[in-house]
């Protein structure tokens, strides 16, 4: 038995949960927030047999996509009278971060 933990962008979470439940996987979705851009994410967890892990990873690859966005960096701490003009920086975010963990015991009560 494996526990698959996928941290995905909130815009992709609904489609991922739908794709997983369409294939009869039992899924738990938790709302979470990312540390870098402070945007909403979702943590999707499901327990599967080892033979099903690749199928689950394929569904995650199909439904979770990376995105690009321009952000303005925070200005550095400056001395009075100094001038700093921030330029937008393109960052890539989204997609999925997936952990596959061995499960010692699983019970459905």
PDB file of N, CA and C in Angstrom:
ATOM      1  N   UNK A   1       0.857  -1.174   0.000  1.00  0.00           N
ATOM      2  CA  UNK A   1       0.000   0.000   0.000  1.00  0.00           C
ATOM      3  C   UNK A   1       0.899   1.230   0.000  1.00  0.00           C
ATOM      4  N   UNK A   2       0.499   2.252  -0.756  1.00  0.00           N
ATOM      5  CA  UNK A   2       1.225   3.522  -0.860  1.00  0.00           C
ATOM      6  C   UNK A   2       0.276   4.677  -0.562  1.00  0.00           C
ATOM      7  N   UNK A   3       0.822   5.726   0.028  1.00  0.00           N
ATOM      8  CA  UNK A   3       0.102   6.976   0.218  1.00  0.00           C
ATOM      9  C   UNK A   3       0.675   7.971  -0.771  1.00  0.00           C
ATOM     10  N   UNK A   4      -0.169   8.478  -1.659  1.00  0.00           N
ATOM     11  CA  UNK A   4       0.240   9.484  -2.640  1.00  0.00           C
ATOM     12  C   UNK A   4      -0.244  10.833  -2.128  1.00  0.00           C
ATOM     13  N   UNK A   5       0.701  11.758  -1.963  1.00  0.00           N
ATOM     14  CA  UNK A   5       0.395  13.116  -1.518  1.00  0.00           C
ATOM     15  C   UNK A   5       0.808  14.042  -2.646  1.00  0.00           C
ATOM     16  N   UNK A   6      -0.156  14.746  -3.229  1.00  0.00           N
ATOM     17  CA  UNK A   6       0.115  15.650  -4.350  1.00  0.00           C
ATOM     18  C   UNK A   6      -0.263  17.069  -3.941  1.00  0.00           C
ATOM     19  N   UNK A   7       0.697  17.976  -4.021  1.00  0.00           N
ATOM     20  CA  UNK A   7       0.434  19.389  -3.754  1.00  0.00           C
ATOM     21  C   UNK A   7       0.301  20.056  -5.114  1.00  0.00           C
ATOM     22  N   UNK A   8      -0.902  20.578  -5.393  1.00  0.00           N
ATOM     23  CA  UNK A   8      -1.215  21.104  -6.724  1.00  0.00           C
ATOM     24  C   UNK A   8      -1.793  22.508  -6.596  1.00  0.00           C
ATOM     25  N   UNK A   9      -1.785  23.234  -7.708  1.00  0.00           N
ATOM     26  CA  UNK A   9      -2.374  24.577  -7.731  1.00  0.00           C
ATOM     27  C   UNK A   9      -3.889  24.444  -7.579  1.00  0.00           C
ATOM     28  N   UNK A  10      -4.482  25.382  -6.888  1.00  0.00           N
ATOM     29  CA  UNK A  10      -5.926  25.290  -6.609  1.00  0.00           C
ATOM     30  C   UNK A  10      -6.764  25.255  -7.880  1.00  0.00           C
ATOM     31  N   UNK A  11      -6.287  25.875  -8.961  1.00  0.00           N
ATOM     32  CA  UNK A  11      -7.046  25.846 -10.222  1.00  0.00           C
ATOM     33  C   UNK A  11      -7.088  24.451 -10.833  1.00  0.00           C
ATOM     34  N   UNK A  12      -6.119  23.599 -10.512  1.00  0.00           N
ATOM     35  CA  UNK A  12      -6.064  22.243 -11.064  1.00  0.00           C
ATOM     36  C   UNK A  12      -6.705  21.210 -10.144  1.00  0.00           C
ATOM     37  N   UNK A  13      -6.936  21.557  -8.889  1.00  0.00           N
ATOM     38  CA  UNK A  13      -7.358  20.572  -7.895  1.00  0.00           C
ATOM     39  C   UNK A  13      -8.715  19.953  -8.223  1.00  0.00           C
ATOM     40  N   UNK A  14      -9.667  20.751  -8.644  1.00  0.00           N
ATOM     41  CA  UNK A  14     -10.991  20.213  -8.956  1.00  0.00           C
ATOM     42  C   UNK A  14     -10.951  19.196 -10.077  1.00  0.00           C
ATOM     43  N   UNK A  15     -10.221  19.512 -11.144  1.00  0.00           N
ATOM     44  CA  UNK A  15     -10.109  18.580 -12.275  1.00  0.00           C
ATOM     45  C   UNK A  15      -9.375  17.306 -11.861  1.00  0.00           C
ATOM     46  N   UNK A  16      -8.366  17.454 -11.000  1.00  0.00           N
ATOM     47  CA  UNK A  16      -7.638  16.273 -10.542  1.00  0.00           C
ATOM     48  C   UNK A  16      -8.531  15.369  -9.693  1.00  0.00           C
ATOM     49  N   UNK A  17      -9.256  15.945  -8.754  1.00  0.00           N
ATOM     50  CA  UNK A  17     -10.158  15.147  -7.914  1.00  0.00           C
ATOM     51  C   UNK A  17     -11.214  14.469  -8.778  1.00  0.00           C
ATOM     52  N   UNK A  18     -11.762  15.180  -9.756  1.00  0.00           N
ATOM     53  CA  UNK A  18     -12.751  14.573 -10.656  1.00  0.00           C
ATOM     54  C   UNK A  18     -12.153  13.410 -11.442  1.00  0.00           C
ATOM     55  N   UNK A  19     -10.937  13.591 -11.969  1.00  0.00           N
ATOM     56  CA  UNK A  19     -10.288  12.529 -12.750  1.00  0.00           C
ATOM     57  C   UNK A  19     -10.010  11.305 -11.883  1.00  0.00           C
ATOM     58  N   UNK A  20      -9.590  11.540 -10.648  1.00  0.00           N
ATOM     59  CA  UNK A  20      -9.301  10.414  -9.751  1.00  0.00           C
ATOM     60  C   UNK A  20     -10.583   9.688  -9.326  1.00  0.00           C
ATOM     61  N   UNK A  21     -11.626  10.435  -8.999  1.00  0.00           N
ATOM     62  CA  UNK A  21     -12.872   9.784  -8.571  1.00  0.00           C
ATOM     63  C   UNK A  21     -13.566   9.085  -9.738  1.00  0.00           C
ATOM     64  N   UNK A  22     -13.379   9.604 -10.967  1.00  0.00           N
ATOM     65  CA  UNK A  22     -13.937   8.916 -12.147  1.00  0.00           C
ATOM     66  C   UNK A  22     -13.342   7.522 -12.305  1.00  0.00           C
ATOM     67  N   UNK A  23     -12.113   7.340 -11.821  1.00  0.00           N
ATOM     68  CA  UNK A  23     -11.461   6.025 -11.889  1.00  0.00           C
ATOM     69  C   UNK A  23     -11.613   5.259 -10.571  1.00  0.00           C
ATOM     70  N   UNK A  24     -12.556   5.701  -9.734  1.00  0.00           N
ATOM     71  CA  UNK A  24     -12.913   5.035  -8.479  1.00  0.00           C
ATOM     72  C   UNK A  24     -11.821   5.068  -7.407  1.00  0.00           C
ATOM     73  N   UNK A  25     -10.972   6.083  -7.445  1.00  0.00           N
ATOM     74  CA  UNK A  25     -10.020   6.283  -6.353  1.00  0.00           C
ATOM     75  C   UNK A  25     -10.704   7.114  -5.270  1.00  0.00           C
ATOM     76  N   UNK A  26     -10.448   6.791  -4.023  1.00  0.00           N
ATOM     77  CA  UNK A  26     -10.959   7.580  -2.902  1.00  0.00           C
ATOM     78  C   UNK A  26      -9.928   8.661  -2.609  1.00  0.00           C
ATOM     79  N   UNK A  27     -10.375   9.907  -2.575  1.00  0.00           N
ATOM     80  CA  UNK A  27      -9.467  11.050  -2.516  1.00  0.00           C
ATOM     81  C   UNK A  27      -9.861  11.958  -1.363  1.00  0.00           C
ATOM     82  N   UNK A  28      -8.845  12.528  -0.704  1.00  0.00           N
ATOM     83  CA  UNK A  28      -9.053  13.562   0.294  1.00  0.00           C
ATOM     84  C   UNK A  28      -8.348  14.817  -0.187  1.00  0.00           C
ATOM     85  N   UNK A  29      -9.075  15.937  -0.199  1.00  0.00           N
ATOM     86  CA  UNK A  29      -8.516  17.214  -0.638  1.00  0.00           C
ATOM     87  C   UNK A  29      -8.451  18.171   0.548  1.00  0.00           C
ATOM     88  N   UNK A  30      -7.284  18.737   0.777  1.00  0.00           N
ATOM     89  CA  UNK A  30      -7.073  19.714   1.839  1.00  0.00           C
ATOM     90  C   UNK A  30      -6.646  21.034   1.208  1.00  0.00           C
ATOM     91  N   UNK A  31      -7.142  22.125   1.738  1.00  0.00           N
ATOM     92  CA  UNK A  31      -6.722  23.435   1.254  1.00  0.00           C
ATOM     93  C   UNK A  31      -5.414  23.789   1.938  1.00  0.00           C
ATOM     94  N   UNK A  32      -4.464  24.332   1.156  1.00  0.00           N
ATOM     95  CA  UNK A  32      -3.167  24.713   1.697  1.00  0.00           C
ATOM     96  C   UNK A  32      -2.693  25.975   0.985  1.00  0.00           C
ATOM     97  N   UNK A  33      -1.619  26.555   1.498  1.00  0.00           N
ATOM     98  CA  UNK A  33      -1.070  27.784   0.911  1.00  0.00           C
ATOM     99  C   UNK A  33       0.408  27.582   0.668  1.00  0.00           C
ATOM    100  N   UNK A  34       0.860  27.989  -0.525  1.00  0.00           N
ATOM    101  CA  UNK A  34       2.265  27.869  -0.866  1.00  0.00           C
ATOM    102  C   UNK A  34       3.109  28.918  -0.175  1.00  0.00           C
ATOM    103  N   UNK A  35       4.373  28.608   0.022  1.00  0.00           N
ATOM    104  CA  UNK A  35       5.263  29.510   0.727  1.00  0.00           C
ATOM    105  C   UNK A  35       5.862  30.588  -0.139  1.00  0.00           C
ATOM    106  N   UNK A  36       6.133  30.314  -1.414  1.00  0.00           N
ATOM    107  CA  UNK A  36       6.851  31.266  -2.256  1.00  0.00           C
ATOM    108  C   UNK A  36       5.969  32.420  -2.697  1.00  0.00           C
ATOM    109  N   UNK A  37       4.883  32.127  -3.381  1.00  0.00           N
ATOM    110  CA  UNK A  37       3.992  33.183  -3.877  1.00  0.00           C
ATOM    111  C   UNK A  37       2.790  33.388  -2.964  1.00  0.00           C
ATOM    112  N   UNK A  38       2.675  32.621  -1.902  1.00  0.00           N
ATOM    113  CA  UNK A  38       1.572  32.731  -0.945  1.00  0.00           C
ATOM    114  C   UNK A  38       0.211  32.543  -1.620  1.00  0.00           C
ATOM    115  N   UNK A  39       0.171  31.675  -2.634  1.00  0.00           N
ATOM    116  CA  UNK A  39      -1.076  31.422  -3.348  1.00  0.00           C
ATOM    117  C   UNK A  39      -1.733  30.158  -2.811  1.00  0.00           C
ATOM    118  N   UNK A  40      -3.026  30.051  -3.065  1.00  0.00           N
ATOM    119  CA  UNK A  40      -3.775  28.883  -2.619  1.00  0.00           C
ATOM    120  C   UNK A  40      -3.363  27.651  -3.408  1.00  0.00           C
ATOM    121  N   UNK A  41      -3.167  26.577  -2.678  1.00  0.00           N
ATOM    122  CA  UNK A  41      -2.879  25.274  -3.249  1.00  0.00           C
ATOM    123  C   UNK A  41      -3.903  24.297  -2.707  1.00  0.00           C
ATOM    124  N   UNK A  42      -3.797  23.088  -3.172  1.00  0.00           N
ATOM    125  CA  UNK A  42      -4.577  21.999  -2.597  1.00  0.00           C
ATOM    126  C   UNK A  42      -3.628  20.826  -2.400  1.00  0.00           C
ATOM    127  N   UNK A  43      -3.793  20.144  -1.295  1.00  0.00           N
ATOM    128  CA  UNK A  43      -3.051  18.915  -1.049  1.00  0.00           C
ATOM    129  C   UNK A  43      -4.038  17.778  -1.219  1.00  0.00           C
ATOM    130  N   UNK A  44      -3.758  16.911  -2.180  1.00  0.00           N
ATOM    131  CA  UNK A  44      -4.633  15.784  -2.506  1.00  0.00           C
ATOM    132  C   UNK A  44      -3.945  14.515  -2.025  1.00  0.00           C
ATOM    133  N   UNK A  45      -4.651  13.728  -1.203  1.00  0.00           N
ATOM    134  CA  UNK A  45      -4.072  12.507  -0.646  1.00  0.00           C
ATOM    135  C   UNK A  45      -4.948  11.315  -0.993  1.00  0.00           C
ATOM    136  N   UNK A  46      -4.291  10.195  -1.314  1.00  0.00           N
ATOM    137  CA  UNK A  46      -5.045   8.974  -1.565  1.00  0.00           C
ATOM    138  C   UNK A  46      -4.156   7.772  -1.314  1.00  0.00           C
ATOM    139  N   UNK A  47      -4.755   6.730  -0.809  1.00  0.00           N
ATOM    140  CA  UNK A  47      -4.063   5.465  -0.605  1.00  0.00           C
ATOM    141  C   UNK A  47      -4.368   4.533  -1.751  1.00  0.00           C
ATOM    142  N   UNK A  48      -3.305   3.955  -2.334  1.00  0.00           N
ATOM    143  CA  UNK A  48      -3.476   3.063  -3.484  1.00  0.00           C
ATOM    144  C   UNK A  48      -2.536   1.874  -3.345  1.00  0.00           C
ATOM    145  N   UNK A  49      -2.832   0.840  -4.083  1.00  0.00           N
ATOM    146  CA  UNK A  49      -1.913  -0.292  -4.167  1.00  0.00           C
ATOM    147  C   UNK A  49      -0.708   0.113  -5.014  1.00  0.00           C
ATOM    148  N   UNK A  50       0.396  -0.561  -4.792  1.00  0.00           N
ATOM    149  CA  UNK A  50       1.631  -0.198  -5.500  1.00  0.00           C
ATOM    150  C   UNK A  50       1.460  -0.244  -7.021  1.00  0.00           C
ATOM    151  N   UNK A  51       0.680  -1.168  -7.527  1.00  0.00           N
ATOM    152  CA  UNK A  51       0.461  -1.294  -8.968  1.00  0.00           C
ATOM    153  C   UNK A  51      -0.322  -0.114  -9.543  1.00  0.00           C
ATOM    154  N   UNK A  52      -1.036   0.638  -8.706  1.00  0.00           N
ATOM    155  CA  UNK A  52      -1.854   1.760  -9.170  1.00  0.00           C
ATOM    156  C   UNK A  52      -1.112   3.102  -9.154  1.00  0.00           C
ATOM    157  N   UNK A  53       0.079   3.148  -8.587  1.00  0.00           N
ATOM    158  CA  UNK A  53       0.797   4.412  -8.427  1.00  0.00           C
ATOM    159  C   UNK A  53       1.050   5.076  -9.775  1.00  0.00           C
ATOM    160  N   UNK A  54       1.479   4.323 -10.771  1.00  0.00           N
ATOM    161  CA  UNK A  54       1.781   4.926 -12.085  1.00  0.00           C
ATOM    162  C   UNK A  54       0.527   5.488 -12.748  1.00  0.00           C
ATOM    163  N   UNK A  55      -0.608   4.816 -12.578  1.00  0.00           N
ATOM    164  CA  UNK A  55      -1.867   5.324 -13.125  1.00  0.00           C
ATOM    165  C   UNK A  55      -2.223   6.656 -12.461  1.00  0.00           C
ATOM    166  N   UNK A  56      -2.066   6.740 -11.148  1.00  0.00           N
ATOM    167  CA  UNK A  56      -2.358   7.983 -10.419  1.00  0.00           C
ATOM    168  C   UNK A  56      -1.406   9.083 -10.868  1.00  0.00           C
ATOM    169  N   UNK A  57      -0.114   8.776 -10.990  1.00  0.00           N
ATOM    170  CA  UNK A  57       0.846   9.791 -11.444  1.00  0.00           C
ATOM    171  C   UNK A  57       0.523  10.276 -12.863  1.00  0.00           C
ATOM    172  N   UNK A  58       0.042   9.385 -13.710  1.00  0.00           N
ATOM    173  CA  UNK A  58      -0.363   9.783 -15.058  1.00  0.00           C
ATOM    174  C   UNK A  58      -1.531  10.754 -15.040  1.00  0.00           C
ATOM    175  N   UNK A  59      -2.506  10.502 -14.173  1.00  0.00           N
ATOM    176  CA  UNK A  59      -3.644  11.423 -14.055  1.00  0.00           C
ATOM    177  C   UNK A  59      -3.198  12.783 -13.522  1.00  0.00           C
ATOM    178  N   UNK A  60      -2.258  12.785 -12.594  1.00  0.00           N
ATOM    179  CA  UNK A  60      -1.739  14.056 -12.084  1.00  0.00           C
ATOM    180  C   UNK A  60      -1.020  14.816 -13.190  1.00  0.00           C
ATOM    181  N   UNK A  61      -0.205  14.114 -13.973  1.00  0.00           N
ATOM    182  CA  UNK A  61       0.502  14.770 -15.097  1.00  0.00           C
ATOM    183  C   UNK A  61      -0.472  15.373 -16.113  1.00  0.00           C
ATOM    184  N   UNK A  62      -1.577  14.677 -16.371  1.00  0.00           N
ATOM    185  CA  UNK A  62      -2.552  15.148 -17.364  1.00  0.00           C
ATOM    186  C   UNK A  62      -3.327  16.376 -16.895  1.00  0.00           C
ATOM    187  N   UNK A  63      -3.581  16.498 -15.607  1.00  0.00           N
ATOM    188  CA  UNK A  63      -4.487  17.542 -15.128  1.00  0.00           C
ATOM    189  C   UNK A  63      -3.800  18.731 -14.465  1.00  0.00           C
ATOM    190  N   UNK A  64      -2.537  18.611 -14.064  1.00  0.00           N
ATOM    191  CA  UNK A  64      -1.859  19.681 -13.328  1.00  0.00           C
ATOM    192  C   UNK A  64      -0.760  20.286 -14.196  1.00  0.00           C
ATOM    193  N   UNK A  65      -0.883  21.575 -14.481  1.00  0.00           N
ATOM    194  CA  UNK A  65       0.016  22.231 -15.431  1.00  0.00           C
ATOM    195  C   UNK A  65       0.746  23.398 -14.778  1.00  0.00           C
ATOM    196  N   UNK A  66       1.964  23.635 -15.249  1.00  0.00           N
ATOM    197  CA  UNK A  66       2.733  24.794 -14.786  1.00  0.00           C
ATOM    198  C   UNK A  66       2.225  26.050 -15.465  1.00  0.00           C
ATOM    199  N   UNK A  67       2.400  27.186 -14.789  1.00  0.00           N
ATOM    200  CA  UNK A  67       1.990  28.482 -15.312  1.00  0.00           C
ATOM    201  C   UNK A  67       3.125  29.469 -15.094  1.00  0.00           C
ATOM    202  N   UNK A  68       3.114  30.548 -15.861  1.00  0.00           N
ATOM    203  CA  UNK A  68       4.086  31.630 -15.681  1.00  0.00           C
ATOM    204  C   UNK A  68       3.344  32.888 -15.279  1.00  0.00           C
ATOM    205  N   UNK A  69       4.012  33.702 -14.470  1.00  0.00           N
ATOM    206  CA  UNK A  69       3.412  34.946 -14.011  1.00  0.00           C
ATOM    207  C   UNK A  69       4.546  35.933 -13.747  1.00  0.00           C
ATOM    208  N   UNK A  70       4.270  37.204 -13.988  1.00  0.00           N
ATOM    209  CA  UNK A  70       5.238  38.245 -13.669  1.00  0.00           C
ATOM    210  C   UNK A  70       4.897  38.805 -12.288  1.00  0.00           C
ATOM    211  N   UNK A  71       5.931  38.925 -11.445  1.00  0.00           N
ATOM    212  CA  UNK A  71       5.741  39.515 -10.124  1.00  0.00           C
ATOM    213  C   UNK A  71       6.751  40.633  -9.941  1.00  0.00           C
ATOM    214  N   UNK A  72       6.425  41.576  -9.091  1.00  0.00           N
ATOM    215  CA  UNK A  72       7.356  42.637  -8.739  1.00  0.00           C
ATOM    216  C   UNK A  72       8.092  42.217  -7.477  1.00  0.00           C
ATOM    217  N   UNK A  73       9.420  42.134  -7.533  1.00  0.00           N
ATOM    218  CA  UNK A  73      10.158  41.732  -6.343  1.00  0.00           C
ATOM    219  C   UNK A  73      10.070  42.806  -5.257  1.00  0.00           C
ATOM    220  N   UNK A  74      10.231  42.359  -4.018  1.00  0.00           N
ATOM    221  CA  UNK A  74      10.238  43.290  -2.902  1.00  0.00           C
ATOM    222  C   UNK A  74      11.501  44.142  -2.966  1.00  0.00           C
ATOM    223  N   UNK A  75      11.390  45.447  -2.763  1.00  0.00           N
ATOM    224  CA  UNK A  75      12.586  46.285  -2.798  1.00  0.00           C
ATOM    225  C   UNK A  75      13.479  45.997  -1.600  1.00  0.00           C
ATOM    226  N   UNK A  76      14.804  46.112  -1.795  1.00  0.00           N
ATOM    227  CA  UNK A  76      15.703  45.890  -0.670  1.00  0.00           C
ATOM    228  C   UNK A  76      15.589  47.044   0.325  1.00  0.00           C
ATOM    229  N   UNK A  77      16.063  46.814   1.534  1.00  0.00           N
ATOM    230  CA  UNK A  77      16.096  47.886   2.529  1.00  0.00           C
ATOM    231  C   UNK A  77      17.141  48.897   2.055  1.00  0.00           C
ATOM    232  N   UNK A  78      16.719  50.142   1.977  1.00  0.00           N
ATOM    233  CA  UNK A  78      17.588  51.158   1.390  1.00  0.00           C
ATOM    234  C   UNK A  78      17.783  52.316   2.356  1.00  0.00           C
ATOM    235  N   UNK A  79      18.826  53.045   2.106  1.00  0.00           N
ATOM    236  CA  UNK A  79      19.110  54.254   2.873  1.00  0.00           C
ATOM    237  C   UNK A  79      18.205  55.378   2.386  1.00  0.00           C
ATOM    238  N   UNK A  80      17.895  56.357   3.239  1.00  0.00           N
ATOM    239  CA  UNK A  80      17.090  57.492   2.783  1.00  0.00           C
ATOM    240  C   UNK A  80      17.761  58.206   1.603  1.00  0.00           C
ATOM    241  N   UNK A  81      16.964  58.523   0.622  1.00  0.00           N
ATOM    242  CA  UNK A  81      17.473  59.215  -0.566  1.00  0.00           C
ATOM    243  C   UNK A  81      17.833  58.287  -1.713  1.00  0.00           C
ATOM    244  N   UNK A  82      17.953  56.979  -1.453  1.00  0.00           N
ATOM    245  CA  UNK A  82      18.236  56.049  -2.540  1.00  0.00           C
ATOM    246  C   UNK A  82      16.945  55.717  -3.269  1.00  0.00           C
ATOM    247  N   UNK A  83      17.067  55.362  -4.550  1.00  0.00           N
ATOM    248  CA  UNK A  83      15.896  55.076  -5.372  1.00  0.00           C
ATOM    249  C   UNK A  83      16.064  53.691  -5.976  1.00  0.00           C
ATOM    250  N   UNK A  84      15.020  52.879  -5.884  1.00  0.00           N
ATOM    251  CA  UNK A  84      15.051  51.522  -6.432  1.00  0.00           C
ATOM    252  C   UNK A  84      13.835  51.333  -7.316  1.00  0.00           C
ATOM    253  N   UNK A  85      14.049  50.968  -8.557  1.00  0.00           N
ATOM    254  CA  UNK A  85      12.962  50.734  -9.509  1.00  0.00           C
ATOM    255  C   UNK A  85      12.883  49.229  -9.771  1.00  0.00           C
ATOM    256  N   UNK A  86      11.895  48.541  -9.167  1.00  0.00           N
ATOM    257  CA  UNK A  86      11.800  47.092  -9.381  1.00  0.00           C
ATOM    258  C   UNK A  86      11.281  46.786 -10.784  1.00  0.00           C
ATOM    259  N   UNK A  87      11.878  45.778 -11.380  1.00  0.00           N
ATOM    260  CA  UNK A  87      11.411  45.297 -12.677  1.00  0.00           C
ATOM    261  C   UNK A  87      10.693  43.982 -12.462  1.00  0.00           C
ATOM    262  N   UNK A  88       9.595  43.760 -13.164  1.00  0.00           N
ATOM    263  CA  UNK A  88       8.877  42.492 -13.009  1.00  0.00           C
ATOM    264  C   UNK A  88       9.769  41.310 -13.374  1.00  0.00           C
ATOM    265  N   UNK A  89       9.602  40.234 -12.635  1.00  0.00           N
ATOM    266  CA  UNK A  89      10.360  39.013 -12.854  1.00  0.00           C
ATOM    267  C   UNK A  89       9.371  37.900 -13.167  1.00  0.00           C
ATOM    268  N   UNK A  90       9.670  37.123 -14.200  1.00  0.00           N
ATOM    269  CA  UNK A  90       8.788  36.009 -14.552  1.00  0.00           C
ATOM    270  C   UNK A  90       9.126  34.794 -13.680  1.00  0.00           C
ATOM    271  N   UNK A  91       8.098  34.220 -13.064  1.00  0.00           N
ATOM    272  CA  UNK A  91       8.268  33.010 -12.258  1.00  0.00           C
ATOM    273  C   UNK A  91       7.322  31.934 -12.781  1.00  0.00           C
ATOM    274  N   UNK A  92       7.740  30.697 -12.661  1.00  0.00           N
ATOM    275  CA  UNK A  92       6.917  29.567 -13.052  1.00  0.00           C
ATOM    276  C   UNK A  92       6.398  28.899 -11.784  1.00  0.00           C
ATOM    277  N   UNK A  93       5.114  28.598 -11.757  1.00  0.00           N
ATOM    278  CA  UNK A  93       4.503  27.966 -10.595  1.00  0.00           C
ATOM    279  C   UNK A  93       3.447  26.999 -11.071  1.00  0.00           C
ATOM    280  N   UNK A  94       2.887  26.269 -10.149  1.00  0.00           N
ATOM    281  CA  UNK A  94       1.853  25.294 -10.501  1.00  0.00           C
ATOM    282  C   UNK A  94       2.469  23.938 -10.745  1.00  0.00           C
ATOM    283  N   UNK A  95       1.822  23.150 -11.573  1.00  0.00           N
ATOM    284  CA  UNK A  95       2.260  21.774 -11.743  1.00  0.00           C
ATOM    285  C   UNK A  95       1.879  20.983 -10.506  1.00  0.00           C
ATOM    286  N   UNK A  96       2.728  20.084 -10.108  1.00  0.00           N
ATOM    287  CA  UNK A  96       2.451  19.265  -8.925  1.00  0.00           C
ATOM    288  C   UNK A  96       3.757  18.839  -8.275  1.00  0.00           C
ATOM    289  N   UNK A  97       3.731  18.785  -6.980  1.00  0.00           N
ATOM    290  CA  UNK A  97       4.801  18.158  -6.204  1.00  0.00           C
ATOM    291  C   UNK A  97       4.175  16.935  -5.564  1.00  0.00           C
ATOM    292  N   UNK A  98       4.752  15.763  -5.852  1.00  0.00           N
ATOM    293  CA  UNK A  98       4.128  14.515  -5.442  1.00  0.00           C
ATOM    294  C   UNK A  98       5.083  13.711  -4.562  1.00  0.00           C
ATOM    295  N   UNK A  99       4.548  13.202  -3.473  1.00  0.00           N
ATOM    296  CA  UNK A  99       5.275  12.310  -2.584  1.00  0.00           C
ATOM    297  C   UNK A  99       4.558  10.963  -2.589  1.00  0.00           C
ATOM    298  N   UNK A 100       5.312   9.887  -2.713  1.00  0.00           N
ATOM    299  CA  UNK A 100       4.756   8.540  -2.627  1.00  0.00           C
ATOM    300  C   UNK A 100       5.430   7.879  -1.428  1.00  0.00           C
ATOM    301  N   UNK A 101       4.617   7.522  -0.434  1.00  0.00           N
ATOM    302  CA  UNK A 101       5.114   7.058   0.850  1.00  0.00           C
ATOM    303  C   UNK A 101       4.593   5.655   1.119  1.00  0.00           C
ATOM    304  N   UNK A 102       5.456   4.794   1.658  1.00  0.00           N
ATOM    305  CA  UNK A 102       5.016   3.461   2.072  1.00  0.00           C
ATOM    306  C   UNK A 102       4.051   3.573   3.259  1.00  0.00           C
ATOM    307  N   UNK A 103       3.032   2.728   3.253  1.00  0.00           N
ATOM    308  CA  UNK A 103       2.060   2.697   4.338  1.00  0.00           C
ATOM    309  C   UNK A 103       2.225   1.371   5.074  1.00  0.00           C
ATOM    310  N   UNK A 104       2.457   1.444   6.375  1.00  0.00           N
ATOM    311  CA  UNK A 104       2.645   0.224   7.169  1.00  0.00           C
ATOM    312  C   UNK A 104       1.306  -0.468   7.423  1.00  0.00           C
ATOM    313  N   UNK A 105       0.263   0.327   7.596  1.00  0.00           N
ATOM    314  CA  UNK A 105      -1.046  -0.250   7.916  1.00  0.00           C
ATOM    315  C   UNK A 105      -2.140   0.688   7.435  1.00  0.00           C
ATOM    316  N   UNK A 106      -3.220   0.124   6.916  1.00  0.00           N
ATOM    317  CA  UNK A 106      -4.361   0.908   6.470  1.00  0.00           C
ATOM    318  C   UNK A 106      -5.621   0.175   6.879  1.00  0.00           C
ATOM    319  N   UNK A 107      -6.536   0.928   7.481  1.00  0.00           N
ATOM    320  CA  UNK A 107      -7.834   0.364   7.856  1.00  0.00           C
ATOM    321  C   UNK A 107      -8.926   1.324   7.439  1.00  0.00           C
ATOM    322  N   UNK A 108     -10.014   0.800   6.940  1.00  0.00           N
ATOM    323  CA  UNK A 108     -11.176   1.609   6.612  1.00  0.00           C
ATOM    324  C   UNK A 108     -12.246   1.274   7.644  1.00  0.00           C
ATOM    325  N   UNK A 109     -12.558   2.220   8.504  1.00  0.00           N
ATOM    326  CA  UNK A 109     -13.492   1.976   9.598  1.00  0.00           C
ATOM    327  C   UNK A 109     -14.836   2.616   9.336  1.00  0.00           C
TER     328      UNK A 109
END
